[in-house]
C-alpha atoms as a PDB file:
ATOM      1  CA  MET A   1      54.120 -11.846 -18.315  1.00  0.00           C
ATOM      2  CA  ASP A   2      53.306  -8.561 -19.670  1.00  0.00           C
ATOM      3  CA  ALA A   3      51.553  -5.788 -17.906  1.00  0.00           C
ATOM      4  CA  ARG A   4      48.066  -6.264 -19.304  1.00  0.00           C
ATOM      5  CA  THR A   5      48.543  -9.903 -18.198  1.00  0.00           C
ATOM      6  CA  ASN A   6      49.281  -9.676 -15.057  1.00  0.00           C
ATOM      7  CA  LEU A   7      46.733  -6.883 -14.183  1.00  0.00           C
ATOM      8  CA  VAL A   8      43.872  -9.421 -15.782  1.00  0.00           C
ATOM      9  CA  GLU A   9      45.110 -12.185 -13.991  1.00  0.00           C
ATOM     10  CA  VAL A  10      45.521  -9.999 -10.977  1.00  0.00           C
ATOM     11  CA  ALA A  11      41.723  -8.956 -10.836  1.00  0.00           C
ATOM     12  CA  ALA A  12      40.468 -12.395 -11.564  1.00  0.00           C
ATOM     13  CA  ARG A  13      42.042 -13.526  -8.849  1.00  0.00           C
ATOM     14  CA  LEU A  14      40.227 -11.057  -6.889  1.00  0.00           C
ATOM     15  CA  LEU A  15      37.352 -11.360  -8.161  1.00  0.00           C
ATOM     16  CA  ARG A  16      37.328 -15.153  -7.575  1.00  0.00           C
ATOM     17  CA  GLU A  17      38.420 -14.866  -3.869  1.00  0.00           C
ATOM     18  CA  GLN A  18      37.087 -11.635  -2.977  1.00  0.00           C
ATOM     19  CA  GLY A  19      33.645 -11.343  -5.197  1.00  0.00           C
ATOM     20  CA  PRO A  20      33.378  -8.240  -7.615  1.00  0.00           C
ATOM     21  CA  ALA A  21      33.261  -5.019  -4.978  1.00  0.00           C
ATOM     22  CA  ALA A  22      36.944  -6.061  -4.500  1.00  0.00           C
ATOM     23  CA  VAL A  23      37.691  -5.172  -8.314  1.00  0.00           C
ATOM     24  CA  THR A  24      38.422  -1.223  -8.470  1.00  0.00           C
ATOM     25  CA  THR A  25      40.787   0.365 -10.352  1.00  0.00           C
ATOM     26  CA  ARG A  26      42.531   1.027  -6.841  1.00  0.00           C
ATOM     27  CA  GLY A  27      42.225  -2.250  -5.253  1.00  0.00           C
ATOM     28  CA  VAL A  28      43.696  -4.417  -8.589  1.00  0.00           C
ATOM     29  CA  ALA A  29      46.485  -1.393  -8.933  1.00  0.00           C
ATOM     30  CA  GLN A  30      47.279  -1.626  -5.614  1.00  0.00           C
ATOM     31  CA  ALA A  31      47.681  -5.610  -5.975  1.00  0.00           C
ATOM     32  CA  ALA A  32      49.267  -5.296  -9.325  1.00  0.00           C
ATOM     33  CA  GLY A  33      51.695  -3.024  -7.686  1.00  0.00           C
ATOM     34  CA  VAL A  34      51.118  -0.877 -10.493  1.00  0.00           C
ATOM     35  CA  GLN A  35      49.393   3.184 -10.514  1.00  0.00           C
ATOM     36  CA  ALA A  36      45.109   3.751 -11.551  1.00  0.00           C
ATOM     37  CA  PRO A  37      45.736   5.208 -14.601  1.00  0.00           C
ATOM     38  CA  ALA A  38      47.518   2.341 -16.157  1.00  0.00           C
ATOM     39  CA  ILE A  39      43.743   0.342 -15.918  1.00  0.00           C
ATOM     40  CA  TYR A  40      42.214   3.295 -17.460  1.00  0.00           C
ATOM     41  CA  ARG A  41      44.956   3.400 -20.161  1.00  0.00           C
ATOM     42  CA  MET A  42      44.886  -0.234 -21.525  1.00  0.00           C
ATOM     43  CA  PHE A  43      41.190  -0.740 -20.866  1.00  0.00           C
ATOM     44  CA  GLY A  44      39.289   2.737 -20.597  1.00  0.00           C
ATOM     45  CA  ASP A  45      37.551   1.647 -17.196  1.00  0.00           C
ATOM     46  CA  LYS A  46      36.458  -0.938 -14.826  1.00  0.00           C
ATOM     47  CA  ASP A  47      33.533  -2.264 -16.983  1.00  0.00           C
ATOM     48  CA  GLY A  48      36.484  -3.093 -19.349  1.00  0.00           C
ATOM     49  CA  LEU A  49      39.196  -4.381 -17.074  1.00  0.00           C
ATOM     50  CA  LEU A  50      35.932  -6.782 -16.211  1.00  0.00           C
ATOM     51  CA  ASP A  51      35.748  -7.732 -19.412  1.00  0.00           C
ATOM     52  CA  ALA A  52      38.847  -8.753 -20.631  1.00  0.00           C
ATOM     53  CA  VAL A  53      39.101 -10.625 -16.339  1.00  0.00           C
ATOM     54  CA  ALA A  54      36.092 -12.789 -18.387  1.00  0.00           C
ATOM     55  CA  GLU A  55      37.295 -13.295 -21.495  1.00  0.00           C
ATOM     56  CA  HIS A  56      41.108 -14.223 -20.309  1.00  0.00           C
ATOM     57  CA  VAL A  57      39.524 -17.238 -17.314  1.00  0.00           C
ATOM     58  CA  PHE A  58      36.412 -18.602 -19.973  1.00  0.00           C
ATOM     59  CA  ALA A  59      39.081 -18.315 -22.990  1.00  0.00           C
ATOM     60  CA  THR A  60      41.408 -20.548 -20.560  1.00  0.00           C
ATOM     61  CA  TYR A  61      38.373 -23.018 -19.717  1.00  0.00           C
ATOM     62  CA  VAL A  62      37.354 -23.342 -23.341  1.00  0.00           C
ATOM     63  CA  ALA A  63      40.865 -24.304 -24.406  1.00  0.00           C
ATOM     64  CA  GLU A  64      41.441 -26.490 -21.836  1.00  0.00           C
ATOM     65  CA  LYS A  65      38.151 -28.162 -22.531  1.00  0.00           C
ATOM     66  CA  SER A  66      39.657 -28.499 -26.086  1.00  0.00           C
ATOM     67  CA  ARG A  67      42.454 -30.413 -25.375  1.00  0.00           C
ATOM     68  CA  THR A  68      40.179 -33.115 -24.222  1.00  0.00           C
ATOM     69  CA  PRO A  69      39.927 -35.292 -26.876  1.00  0.00           C
ATOM     70  CA  ASP A  70      36.062 -37.236 -27.700  1.00  0.00           C
ATOM     71  CA  THR A  71      35.556 -40.550 -26.840  1.00  0.00           C
ATOM     72  CA  ASP A  72      34.150 -43.322 -29.134  1.00  0.00           C
ATOM     73  CA  ASP A  73      30.428 -43.043 -27.308  1.00  0.00           C
ATOM     74  CA  PRO A  74      28.917 -39.259 -28.128  1.00  0.00           C
ATOM     75  CA  LEU A  75      26.438 -39.318 -25.231  1.00  0.00           C
ATOM     76  CA  ALA A  76      28.817 -39.960 -22.913  1.00  0.00           C
ATOM     77  CA  ASP A  77      30.806 -36.691 -24.031  1.00  0.00           C
ATOM     78  CA  LEU A  78      27.819 -34.818 -24.179  1.00  0.00           C
ATOM     79  CA  ARG A  79      27.243 -35.134 -20.462  1.00  0.00           C
ATOM     80  CA  ALA A  80      30.766 -34.738 -20.128  1.00  0.00           C
ATOM     81  CA  GLY A  81      30.593 -31.451 -21.479  1.00  0.00           C
ATOM     82  CA  TRP A  82      27.489 -30.491 -18.994  1.00  0.00           C
ATOM     83  CA  ASP A  83      29.314 -31.554 -15.917  1.00  0.00           C
ATOM     84  CA  THR A  84      32.278 -30.054 -17.011  1.00  0.00           C
ATOM     85  CA  HIS A  85      30.528 -26.412 -17.264  1.00  0.00           C
ATOM     86  CA  ILE A  86      28.456 -26.822 -13.953  1.00  0.00           C
ATOM     87  CA  GLY A  87      31.777 -27.009 -12.623  1.00  0.00           C
ATOM     88  CA  PHE A  88      32.968 -24.621 -14.412  1.00  0.00           C
ATOM     89  CA  GLY A  89      30.287 -22.248 -13.153  1.00  0.00           C
ATOM     90  CA  LEU A  90      30.188 -23.789  -9.517  1.00  0.00           C
ATOM     91  CA  ALA A  91      33.712 -23.005  -9.143  1.00  0.00           C
ATOM     92  CA  ASN A  92      33.760 -19.239 -11.107  1.00  0.00           C
ATOM     93  CA  PRO A  93      30.438 -18.225  -8.946  1.00  0.00           C
ATOM     94  CA  ALA A  94      31.492 -14.273  -9.766  1.00  0.00           C
ATOM     95  CA  LEU A  95      32.651 -14.934 -12.912  1.00  0.00           C
ATOM     96  CA  TYR A  96      30.181 -16.569 -14.532  1.00  0.00           C
ATOM     97  CA  VAL A  97      27.105 -14.150 -13.341  1.00  0.00           C
ATOM     98  CA  LEU A  98      29.682 -11.279 -15.114  1.00  0.00           C
ATOM     99  CA  LEU A  99      29.631 -13.553 -18.322  1.00  0.00           C
ATOM    100  CA  ALA A 100      25.795 -14.433 -17.931  1.00  0.00           C
ATOM    101  CA  GLY A 101      25.086 -10.536 -18.210  1.00  0.00           C
ATOM    102  CA  ARG A 102      27.405  -9.969 -20.803  1.00  0.00           C
ATOM    103  CA  PRO A 103      26.904  -9.767 -24.628  1.00  0.00           C
ATOM    104  CA  PRO A 104      28.755 -13.421 -26.173  1.00  0.00           C
ATOM    105  CA  SER A 105      32.340 -12.675 -26.205  1.00  0.00           C
ATOM    106  CA  PRO A 106      34.343 -14.829 -28.333  1.00  0.00           C
ATOM    107  CA  ALA A 107      35.534 -17.174 -25.816  1.00  0.00           C
ATOM    108  CA  THR A 108      31.884 -17.895 -25.718  1.00  0.00           C
ATOM    109  CA  VAL A 109      31.571 -17.570 -29.283  1.00  0.00           C
ATOM    110  CA  ALA A 110      33.556 -21.411 -28.819  1.00  0.00           C
ATOM    111  CA  GLY A 111      32.170 -22.935 -25.826  1.00  0.00           C
ATOM    112  CA  MET A 112      29.064 -22.793 -28.040  1.00  0.00           C
ATOM    113  CA  ALA A 113      30.920 -24.087 -31.055  1.00  0.00           C
ATOM    114  CA  LYS A 114      32.157 -26.819 -28.787  1.00  0.00           C
ATOM    115  CA  LEU A 115      28.654 -27.800 -27.263  1.00  0.00           C
ATOM    116  CA  ARG A 116      27.352 -27.661 -31.443  1.00  0.00           C
ATOM    117  CA  ALA A 117      30.482 -30.080 -32.536  1.00  0.00           C
ATOM    118  CA  LYS A 118      29.406 -32.621 -29.244  1.00  0.00           C
ATOM    119  CA  VAL A 119      25.406 -32.573 -30.465  1.00  0.00           C
ATOM    120  CA  ARG A 120      26.950 -32.595 -34.256  1.00  0.00           C
ATOM    121  CA  ARG A 121      28.150 -36.466 -32.952  1.00  0.00           C
ATOM    122  CA  VAL A 122      25.049 -37.496 -31.083  1.00  0.00           C
ATOM    123  CA  ALA A 123      23.021 -36.453 -34.499  1.00  0.00           C
ATOM    124  CA  GLU A 124      25.090 -38.300 -36.763  1.00  0.00           C
ATOM    125  CA  ILE A 125      24.648 -41.548 -34.565  1.00  0.00           C
ATOM    126  CA  GLY A 126      20.854 -41.050 -35.250  1.00  0.00           C
ATOM    127  CA  ARG A 127      19.886 -40.457 -31.590  1.00  0.00           C
ATOM    128  CA  LEU A 128      18.383 -36.612 -32.006  1.00  0.00           C
ATOM    129  CA  ARG A 129      14.637 -36.206 -31.499  1.00  0.00           C
ATOM    130  CA  VAL A 130      14.629 -32.858 -32.663  1.00  0.00           C
ATOM    131  CA  SER A 131      17.046 -30.525 -34.962  1.00  0.00           C
ATOM    132  CA  GLU A 132      20.693 -29.440 -33.959  1.00  0.00           C
ATOM    133  CA  GLN A 133      20.356 -25.824 -33.330  1.00  0.00           C
ATOM    134  CA  ARG A 134      17.045 -26.528 -30.635  1.00  0.00           C
ATOM    135  CA  ALA A 135      19.136 -29.264 -29.154  1.00  0.00           C
ATOM    136  CA  VAL A 136      21.715 -26.943 -28.708  1.00  0.00           C
ATOM    137  CA  GLU A 137      19.836 -23.983 -27.543  1.00  0.00           C
ATOM    138  CA  LEU A 138      17.866 -26.331 -24.954  1.00  0.00           C
ATOM    139  CA  ILE A 139      21.002 -27.556 -23.795  1.00  0.00           C
ATOM    140  CA  HIS A 140      22.785 -24.481 -23.545  1.00  0.00           C
ATOM    141  CA  ALA A 141      20.205 -22.487 -21.782  1.00  0.00           C
ATOM    142  CA  ALA A 142      19.103 -25.750 -19.473  1.00  0.00           C
ATOM    143  CA  ASN A 143      22.950 -25.537 -18.164  1.00  0.00           C
ATOM    144  CA  THR A 144      23.064 -21.850 -17.462  1.00  0.00           C
ATOM    145  CA  GLY A 145      19.834 -21.954 -16.011  1.00  0.00           C
ATOM    146  CA  VAL A 146      21.081 -24.870 -13.425  1.00  0.00           C
ATOM    147  CA  VAL A 147      24.512 -22.912 -13.099  1.00  0.00           C
ATOM    148  CA  LEU A 148      23.069 -19.788 -12.109  1.00  0.00           C
ATOM    149  CA  THR A 149      20.054 -20.621  -9.913  1.00  0.00           C
ATOM    150  CA  LEU A 150      23.122 -23.021  -7.603  1.00  0.00           C
ATOM    151  CA  ILE A 151      25.085 -20.032  -7.320  1.00  0.00           C
ATOM    152  CA  ALA A 152      21.787 -18.114  -6.607  1.00  0.00           C
ATOM    153  CA  ALA A 153      20.476 -20.619  -3.790  1.00  0.00           C
ATOM    154  CA  PRO A 154      23.633 -22.802  -2.906  1.00  0.00           C
ATOM    155  CA  ASP A 155      21.199 -24.568  -0.651  1.00  0.00           C
ATOM    156  CA  SER A 156      18.952 -25.743  -3.486  1.00  0.00           C
ATOM    157  CA  ASP A 157      18.817 -29.534  -3.972  1.00  0.00           C
ATOM    158  CA  PRO A 158      22.382 -31.465  -4.468  1.00  0.00           C
ATOM    159  CA  GLY A 159      20.215 -33.845  -7.438  1.00  0.00           C
ATOM    160  CA  LEU A 160      19.060 -30.114  -9.561  1.00  0.00           C
ATOM    161  CA  ALA A 161      21.735 -30.714 -12.112  1.00  0.00           C
ATOM    162  CA  ASP A 162      21.876 -33.926 -12.765  1.00  0.00           C
ATOM    163  CA  ALA A 163      17.182 -34.033 -12.615  1.00  0.00           C
ATOM    164  CA  MET A 164      18.045 -30.858 -14.952  1.00  0.00           C
ATOM    165  CA  TYR A 165      20.191 -32.685 -17.373  1.00  0.00           C
ATOM    166  CA  GLU A 166      17.396 -35.777 -17.606  1.00  0.00           C
ATOM    167  CA  ALA A 167      15.036 -33.771 -17.921  1.00  0.00           C
ATOM    168  CA  VAL A 168      16.308 -31.676 -21.112  1.00  0.00           C
ATOM    169  CA  THR A 169      17.648 -35.280 -22.992  1.00  0.00           C
ATOM    170  CA  ARG A 170      14.488 -36.642 -22.703  1.00  0.00           C
ATOM    171  CA  SER A 171      12.990 -33.791 -24.525  1.00  0.00           C
ATOM    172  CA  ILE A 172      15.877 -33.930 -27.288  1.00  0.00           C
ATOM    173  CA  LEU A 173      16.473 -37.421 -27.487  1.00  0.00           C
ATOM    174  CA  THR A 174      15.885 -40.983 -28.794  1.00  0.00           C
ATOM    175  CA  ASP A 175      15.596 -43.725 -26.905  1.00  0.00           C
ATOM    176  CA  ALA A 176      17.233 -45.525 -29.886  1.00  0.00           C
ATOM    177  CA  PRO A 177      18.978 -45.022 -33.401  1.00  0.00           C
ATOM    178  CA  ALA A 178      16.626 -43.745 -35.952  1.00  0.00           C
ATOM    179  CA  LEU A 179      17.205 -46.607 -37.996  1.00  0.00           C
ATOM    180  CA  ALA A 180      16.645 -48.953 -35.215  1.00  0.00           C
ATOM    181  CA  GLN A 181      13.169 -47.816 -34.448  1.00  0.00           C
ATOM    182  CA  ASP A 182      12.119 -45.960 -37.864  1.00  0.00           C
ATOM    183  CA  GLY A 183      11.961 -43.021 -36.261  1.00  0.00           C
ATOM    184  CA  PRO A 184      11.266 -40.974 -39.358  1.00  0.00           C
ATOM    185  CA  VAL A 185      12.188 -37.120 -37.252  1.00  0.00           C
ATOM    186  CA  ALA A 186      15.219 -38.078 -35.606  1.00  0.00           C
ATOM    187  CA  ALA A 187      16.651 -39.643 -39.212  1.00  0.00           C
ATOM    188  CA  ALA A 188      15.871 -36.677 -40.746  1.00  0.00           C
ATOM    189  CA  VAL A 189      18.180 -34.901 -38.409  1.00  0.00           C
ATOM    190  CA  ALA A 190      20.672 -37.499 -38.869  1.00  0.00           C
ATOM    191  CA  PHE A 191      20.847 -37.281 -42.323  1.00  0.00           C
ATOM    192  CA  ARG A 192      20.981 -33.368 -42.318  1.00  0.00           C
ATOM    193  CA  THR A 193      24.387 -33.567 -41.212  1.00  0.00           C
ATOM    194  CA  VAL A 194      25.693 -34.868 -43.638  1.00  0.00           C
ATOM    195  CA  VAL A 195      23.744 -32.658 -46.791  1.00  0.00           C
ATOM    196  CA  PRO A 196      26.913 -30.117 -46.748  1.00  0.00           C
ATOM    197  CA  ASP A 197      29.478 -33.135 -47.982  1.00  0.00           C
ATOM    198  CA  LEU A 198      27.043 -34.598 -50.471  1.00  0.00           C
ATOM    199  CA  PRO A 199      28.769 -33.637 -53.715  1.00  0.00           C
ATOM    200  CA  ALA A 200      26.174 -34.855 -56.302  1.00  0.00           C
ATOM    201  CA  LEU A 201      25.026 -31.543 -55.567  1.00  0.00           C
ATOM    202  CA  THR A 202      25.033 -28.113 -55.884  1.00  0.00           C
ATOM    203  CA  ASP A 203      25.433 -25.829 -53.445  1.00  0.00           C
ATOM    204  CA  THR A 204      21.976 -24.594 -53.659  1.00  0.00           C
ATOM    205  CA  GLU A 205      20.465 -27.942 -54.052  1.00  0.00           C
ATOM    206  CA  ARG A 206      21.605 -28.466 -50.787  1.00  0.00           C
ATOM    207  CA  ALA A 207      20.662 -25.268 -49.432  1.00  0.00           C
ATOM    208  CA  MET A 208      17.499 -25.980 -50.618  1.00  0.00           C
ATOM    209  CA  LEU A 209      17.770 -30.065 -49.037  1.00  0.00           C
ATOM    210  CA  SER A 210      18.795 -28.524 -45.884  1.00  0.00           C
ATOM    211  CA  GLU A 211      15.948 -26.217 -45.308  1.00  0.00           C
ATOM    212  CA  TRP A 212      13.417 -28.840 -45.953  1.00  0.00           C
ATOM    213  CA  LEU A 213      14.920 -31.095 -43.805  1.00  0.00           C
ATOM    214  CA  ASP A 214      14.979 -28.661 -40.965  1.00  0.00           C
ATOM    215  CA  ARG A 215      10.956 -28.277 -41.568  1.00  0.00           C
ATOM    216  CA  ALA A 216      10.477 -31.580 -41.385  1.00  0.00           C
ATOM    217  CA  THR A 217      12.054 -31.831 -38.020  1.00  0.00           C
ATOM    218  CA  GLY A 218      10.301 -28.666 -36.588  1.00  0.00           C
ATOM    219  CA  TYR A 219      12.994 -26.193 -36.631  1.00  0.00           C
END
């Protein structure tokens, strides 16, 4: 293991076990068996080290999620992703709060891409009543909010995460596939997913059709 990775993993352990107050340049250096100037050379300052820790831990989490294959049930996969994110946040409270207060990192961008892919699969079976983008934003906001609430108030209602998921899905999902219930908005959302693959249209025509469908779905 190289020196940088060792420092990041030591800092991550201190953050997980003792909280943010334990992640000082002196404390990390002592735990890693190096001199404090090494941290400044590699990370600039304590904030740089914390950014590296957040990226490392969250990137590992996203990579593990990516290795989990999708099932043939997009709705079940969406719920599993919600539960997994809740579990990660509660298992890493200090890190999660740290991530929430920082600009998106490559790992968080990758995590959002994973969520978009799950939502896309739901749209493809005609179960979205809102645009994909709106669904992604609602799920992300609710998921993050629940985790932060549970971290801040551990004695909160243990059913809060389930109740929030049900509230979000009631607002974004149809009760049945769009064609079965003749739901025009859900049908438009489903059609929007295949527009990029329509070979008979030019790029300009595909962009125009996508814009019309976005307007039709209210986004």
